[in-house]
């Protein structure tokens, strides 16, 4: 039986095949949380769910947002490739121990 190392993000439970991707995802979620807090403070009346969706959107597209702020506003309209697709699915790469009988 092979042993596969995975890294789990404690913020949302996403699992990754390598530490770099896991840390990048965790950093993105931290940025999203801070953006969400800022939005909630500055936009009265906006519901929490909408603020979270906006925070995640801006955090996921942070590189395009930086380009737009540096004078290339059309960058925000570019097709976006979600880097979180590198997250592994628990059921595809990790065997559940609940179904394994003890020896």
Foldseek 3Di string as FASTA:
>chain_A
DDDQDWDAAPVPGFIARDDVLNVLVNVLQVQLVVQLVVCCVPPPPDDSVVSSVVSSVCSQCVVLVVVCVVPCVCSVVDDHDRPSVNTDDCVPPPDDPVPPDDD
